[in-house]
Amino acid sequence: MNVSPRTNSKTLNVLQMIAGVAVMALSSVFVYRALRLFSFDPEKLGKYFSFKWIIMGHVLGGTLALFTGPFQLWKAFRVKYWRAHRIMGRIYLSAIGVGAPCALILATTTAPLIHWPYALSLHMLASVWLISALLAWRTAVRKKFKQHEEWATRSYIATLAFVAQSFSFELPFVARLGTFAEVSTTLIWFSWTVPMFAYDCVRGLSTRA
């Protein structure tokens, strides 16, 4: 039985909507938990107290990126509301432009208190987050829209990595693997390298087909 391209398009839109709702729900929980960092209480902020404005910039930038990203990747939304897509794209890029440098500062100052592999893993994630967003912007300016979509997707994978690693620490089987210091570095690497590899595999197979 042949399936029409129109049916495939509708199915894809529905799947994108479901994925978007799931991402928004998880992001909302993540942001709600992060609200404790918007405090000037030294007990609540702990090691971040001396860098309270940096952590706030990181959380605010990450929050904006989390909630604007799904609309940027939703094809039906892009096509129908292209002006809104461009405006939200600027917001998304600006959010990462604030959040990623703040993450790099935190990776340089507070992360080494755990150990240097933990700090290095955060440096790499924040760098990938920033560079992929800049490449998404550059390809859009040069009107290479296929590449723009690919880099925007990679950028959002890096954005979601912060959420993924946060929830992964709470999984029972992860908790049995060791302490935070023992497992955090591996989880941070896995949070973005595995989804990025999977995305590029799917993209490569689709292009070949």
Protein backbone atom coordinates (compact mmCIF):
# COMPACT_ATOMS: atom_id res chain seq x y z
CA MET A 1 0.00 0.00 0.00
CA ASN A 2 1.42 3.37 -1.05
CA VAL A 3 1.37 6.22 1.44
CA SER A 4 1.05 9.69 -0.03
CA PRO A 5 3.64 12.40 0.75
CA ARG A 6 0.82 14.47 2.26
CA THR A 7 0.04 11.69 4.76
CA ASN A 8 3.71 11.38 5.64
CA SER A 9 3.90 15.14 6.18
CA LYS A 10 0.88 15.09 8.50
CA THR A 11 2.32 12.18 10.46
CA LEU A 12 5.63 13.99 10.81
CA ASN A 13 3.89 17.14 12.04
CA VAL A 14 1.98 15.14 14.65
CA LEU A 15 5.16 13.42 15.83
CA GLN A 16 6.94 16.77 16.04
CA MET A 17 4.09 18.21 18.09
CA ILE A 18 4.17 15.26 20.52
CA ALA A 19 7.95 15.51 20.85
CA GLY A 20 7.68 19.26 21.36
CA VAL A 21 5.10 18.88 24.13
CA ALA A 22 7.26 16.26 25.87
CA VAL A 23 10.33 18.48 25.63
CA MET A 24 8.39 21.48 26.96
CA ALA A 25 7.09 19.45 29.90
CA LEU A 26 10.54 18.19 30.90
CA SER A 27 12.02 21.64 30.39
CA SER A 28 9.36 23.17 32.62
CA VAL A 29 10.24 20.78 35.45
CA PHE A 30 13.94 21.47 34.94
CA VAL A 31 13.44 25.26 35.02
CA TYR A 32 11.18 25.04 38.07
CA ARG A 33 13.92 23.21 39.95
CA ALA A 34 16.48 25.76 38.80
CA LEU A 35 14.49 28.62 40.33
CA ARG A 36 16.21 27.97 43.66
CA LEU A 37 19.32 29.46 42.08
CA PHE A 38 17.52 32.82 41.84
CA SER A 39 18.28 33.42 45.47
CA PHE A 40 20.75 35.48 47.40
CA ASP A 41 20.78 32.94 50.19
CA PRO A 42 24.33 31.56 50.56
CA GLU A 43 22.98 28.24 51.87
CA LYS A 44 20.84 27.67 48.78
CA LEU A 45 23.46 28.80 46.29
CA GLY A 46 26.41 27.11 47.95
CA LYS A 47 29.48 27.26 45.70
CA TYR A 48 27.59 29.43 43.22
CA PHE A 49 27.05 32.31 45.66
CA SER A 50 30.12 34.22 44.51
CA PHE A 51 28.94 33.78 40.92
CA LYS A 52 25.23 34.39 41.48
CA TRP A 53 24.87 36.78 38.54
CA ILE A 54 26.70 34.35 36.26
CA ILE A 55 24.47 31.42 37.26
CA MET A 56 21.39 33.60 36.76
CA GLY A 57 22.58 34.55 33.28
CA HIS A 58 23.18 30.90 32.47
CA VAL A 59 19.75 29.80 33.70
CA LEU A 60 17.90 32.67 32.00
CA GLY A 61 19.70 32.08 28.71
CA GLY A 62 19.13 28.35 28.89
CA THR A 63 15.46 28.82 29.73
CA LEU A 64 14.82 31.05 26.72
CA ALA A 65 16.68 28.63 24.46
CA LEU A 66 14.76 25.63 25.81
CA PHE A 67 11.35 27.18 25.18
CA THR A 68 12.02 28.83 21.82
CA GLY A 69 13.94 25.90 20.32
CA PRO A 70 10.99 23.57 19.62
CA PHE A 71 9.23 26.28 17.59
CA GLN A 72 12.38 26.84 15.55
CA LEU A 73 12.55 23.17 14.60
CA TRP A 74 8.81 22.74 13.95
CA LYS A 75 8.57 22.84 10.16
CA ALA A 76 4.85 23.66 9.97
CA PHE A 77 5.37 26.61 12.30
CA ARG A 78 8.38 27.84 10.27
CA VAL A 79 6.48 27.75 7.02
CA LYS A 80 3.29 29.39 8.29
CA TYR A 81 4.84 31.94 10.64
CA TRP A 82 8.22 32.68 9.05
CA ARG A 83 8.39 36.20 10.53
CA ALA A 84 7.90 34.81 14.02
CA HIS A 85 10.50 32.15 13.22
CA ARG A 86 13.07 34.83 12.43
CA ILE A 87 12.28 36.84 15.57
CA MET A 88 12.39 33.76 17.78
CA GLY A 89 15.62 32.74 16.07
CA ARG A 90 17.22 35.99 17.17
CA ILE A 91 15.93 35.43 20.69
CA TYR A 92 17.29 31.89 20.68
CA LEU A 93 20.72 33.00 19.48
CA SER A 94 20.84 35.85 21.99
CA ALA A 95 19.85 33.49 24.79
CA ILE A 96 22.71 31.14 23.95
CA GLY A 97 24.99 34.14 23.52
CA VAL A 98 24.39 34.86 27.20
CA GLY A 99 23.92 31.34 28.58
CA ALA A 100 26.95 29.67 26.96
CA PRO A 101 29.63 32.19 28.07
CA CYS A 102 28.17 32.05 31.57
CA ALA A 103 28.43 28.25 31.44
CA LEU A 104 32.08 28.55 30.37
CA ILE A 105 32.80 30.86 33.30
CA LEU A 106 31.18 28.42 35.72
CA ALA A 107 33.08 25.52 34.15
CA THR A 108 36.29 27.45 34.76
CA THR A 109 35.55 28.58 38.32
CA THR A 110 33.20 26.22 40.17
CA ALA A 111 33.43 22.95 38.20
CA PRO A 112 37.11 22.28 39.08
CA LEU A 113 35.97 21.98 42.71
CA ILE A 114 34.63 18.55 41.66
CA HIS A 115 37.63 17.58 39.50
CA TRP A 116 39.19 18.61 36.19
CA PRO A 117 37.50 15.93 33.98
CA TYR A 118 34.11 17.29 35.15
CA ALA A 119 35.21 20.82 34.31
CA LEU A 120 36.52 19.73 30.89
CA SER A 121 33.27 17.97 30.00
CA LEU A 122 31.30 21.14 30.81
CA HIS A 123 33.73 23.25 28.80
CA MET A 124 33.17 21.03 25.78
CA LEU A 125 29.39 21.02 26.10
CA ALA A 126 29.20 24.81 26.51
CA SER A 127 31.55 25.27 23.53
CA VAL A 128 29.49 22.96 21.32
CA TRP A 129 26.33 24.78 22.46
CA LEU A 130 27.73 28.17 21.45
CA ILE A 131 29.55 27.17 18.25
CA SER A 132 26.63 25.15 16.81
CA ALA A 133 24.29 28.12 17.42
CA LEU A 134 26.72 30.49 15.70
CA LEU A 135 27.01 28.12 12.73
CA ALA A 136 23.20 27.93 12.55
CA TRP A 137 23.11 31.72 12.39
CA ARG A 138 25.89 31.95 9.81
CA THR A 139 24.30 29.41 7.47
CA ALA A 140 20.95 31.23 7.75
CA VAL A 141 22.59 34.56 6.84
CA ARG A 142 24.23 32.90 3.84
CA LYS A 143 20.82 31.42 2.89
CA LYS A 144 22.05 27.85 3.17
CA PHE A 145 18.82 26.81 4.81
CA LYS A 146 19.35 23.04 4.73
CA GLN A 147 22.62 23.43 6.62
CA HIS A 148 20.97 26.01 8.84
CA GLU A 149 18.32 23.49 9.88
CA GLU A 150 20.97 20.86 10.59
CA TRP A 151 23.08 23.18 12.76
CA ALA A 152 19.99 24.50 14.56
CA THR A 153 19.07 20.90 15.40
CA ARG A 154 22.56 20.19 16.72
CA SER A 155 22.40 23.38 18.75
CA TYR A 156 19.12 22.34 20.35
CA ILE A 157 20.50 18.88 21.11
CA ALA A 158 23.23 20.66 23.09
CA THR A 159 20.59 22.80 24.78
CA LEU A 160 18.64 19.73 25.84
CA ALA A 161 21.82 18.05 27.11
CA PHE A 162 21.67 20.21 30.23
CA VAL A 163 18.18 18.88 30.94
CA ALA A 164 19.10 15.28 30.10
CA GLN A 165 22.09 15.17 32.42
CA SER A 166 20.09 16.73 35.25
CA PHE A 167 17.40 14.04 35.11
CA SER A 168 19.86 11.22 34.48
CA PHE A 169 21.45 11.75 37.89
CA GLU A 170 18.12 10.73 39.43
CA LEU A 171 17.74 7.42 37.62
CA PRO A 172 18.03 4.52 40.10
CA PHE A 173 20.50 2.50 38.02
CA VAL A 174 22.69 5.59 37.58
CA ALA A 175 22.67 6.23 41.32
CA ARG A 176 24.03 2.73 41.85
CA LEU A 177 26.99 3.38 39.53
CA GLY A 178 28.74 5.69 41.97
CA THR A 179 28.81 9.14 43.49
CA PHE A 180 28.13 12.35 41.58
CA ALA A 181 31.85 12.96 41.19
CA GLU A 182 32.34 9.45 39.80
CA VAL A 183 29.57 9.42 37.20
CA SER A 184 28.92 13.07 36.31
CA THR A 185 31.66 13.39 33.69
CA THR A 186 30.46 10.35 31.73
CA LEU A 187 26.84 11.47 31.90
CA ILE A 188 27.68 14.91 30.59
CA TRP A 189 29.55 13.47 27.60
CA PHE A 190 26.73 10.99 26.92
CA SER A 191 24.05 13.71 27.19
CA TRP A 192 25.09 15.33 23.92
CA THR A 193 27.44 12.99 22.02
CA VAL A 194 24.98 10.09 21.81
CA PRO A 195 21.98 12.16 20.59
CA MET A 196 24.25 14.09 18.20
CA PHE A 197 25.62 10.85 16.73
CA ALA A 198 22.12 9.39 16.42
CA TYR A 199 20.87 12.53 14.67
CA ASP A 200 23.71 12.52 12.15
CA CYS A 201 23.21 8.80 11.49
CA VAL A 202 19.52 9.36 10.73
CA ARG A 203 20.34 12.45 8.65
CA GLY A 204 22.96 10.52 6.68
CA LEU A 205 20.61 7.62 5.97
CA SER A 206 17.82 10.00 4.92
CA THR A 207 20.16 11.88 2.57
CA ARG A 208 21.36 8.63 1.00
CA ALA A 209 17.79 7.43 0.51
